[in-house]
Amino acid sequence: MPVFDGHNDTLLKLEIEAGTRKERSFFKRTEQGHIDLPRAREGGFAGGLFAMFVPSNIHQDFTRPFNPSDPANYAEISQAEALGFTLRMAARAQRLERESDGGFTLCRSVADIERAMAEDSVAAVLHIEGAEAIDTDFNALEVLHAAGLRSLGPVWSRKNAFADGVPMAFPSSPDTGPGLTDAGRALVRACNDLRILVDLSHITEKGFWDVAETSRHPLVASHSNAHALCQNARNLTDRQLDAIRESNGLVGVNFHVAFLREDGRHDRTTPLETIVRHAAYLVERLGEDRVGLGSDFDGCMVPADLGDSSGLQKLVQAFRDAGFGENLVEKLSYRNWLRVLSHTQN
């Protein structure tokens, strides 16, 4: 079963590991991180939204594990610095396509995605996670759109010119701060005009409702879970889920164990069934056409039973074992993402 995934941080990982002892090739199988081309093919990872995220301190030692409690990891960054680092990741994606011998394709439309999937090429859609790189005149947005940007989250879990992000707090409501600024509303409208999907993962609850009020497109949270099952601020309340359903949008189930577990713990022994449980809850709340996968590969701790992208068919089988019909499994695996991207782009 092919899987089109709503979120990964592979471009960031490749960029920050370059020149360090952890440097790896996307085209060779390793045990580092979650995605490389051999493991993607083994697990049926057919493509997804490849995030361009700029860390608060791009000069830090990235060989050390990310510390979610360190305030330095949430410091605001300048637009100039963010744009420079974003261009590095966009350029890396262009080089991956050129060097892949047809194994990696940058896709600008759903037709491109479908063509790449048919040719057994990883279908990569460029996504921005946190819009620090975007100036308020949107010149950078225009240029990045021309380079293939088709999805954008106004914020990561920190404040910027456009909105506030939610902390990765547990237990916590997502109602943690203000919503969109005037520039943020303008950004949403600019994305609508360019047919760029607006991603609601990481935004505060007030920001969520501001986007819902401003956007003309389906509401999408690319990598979030159900707050009713795990009370992390990064997850979505039932009221938010209802709004996504009413807009004919989508939620991508996040594989990060701390966003899955009822106790919010970082524990690799978390069973695959916790992903299935969130998927089942979301399907019941949203309907079977509005749920997909948003792994957060290369940016989180996933259940050990899944391991990495090579283990995706284990999750597919877990859906089947839980009684999900084959039509629903196909929708969760890739069809729903293609639907919402097509709706946004057309």
Foldseek 3Di string as FASTA:
>chain_A
DAFEAAEAAVLVVQVLCPPHPNHDALADDDLPFFHHLVLLLLQRHQAYEHEQEDWLDSPDDPVDDDDLVDVSRADDDALVVSQVSSVSSLVVLVVCCVPVVLQADEDQALVRSVVSSVVNHHYYAYEYEAVNNADLVRPSVVVVVVSGHAEYENYACYDDQFAHFNRQDPQDALQDDAATDPSNLVVQVVSLVSLRHYAHQGGGPNNLVSSLVRHPAQYEHREEFECVQARTSRHDYLVSLLSNLVRLAAYAYEQAVLRQHNRSDRDLQDDLVSSVVRQVVSCVSRNLLHYAHHHHTSNHRGHVCQSHSSSNVVSLVVNVVVPDDPVSSVSHRPVSVNVRSNRSND
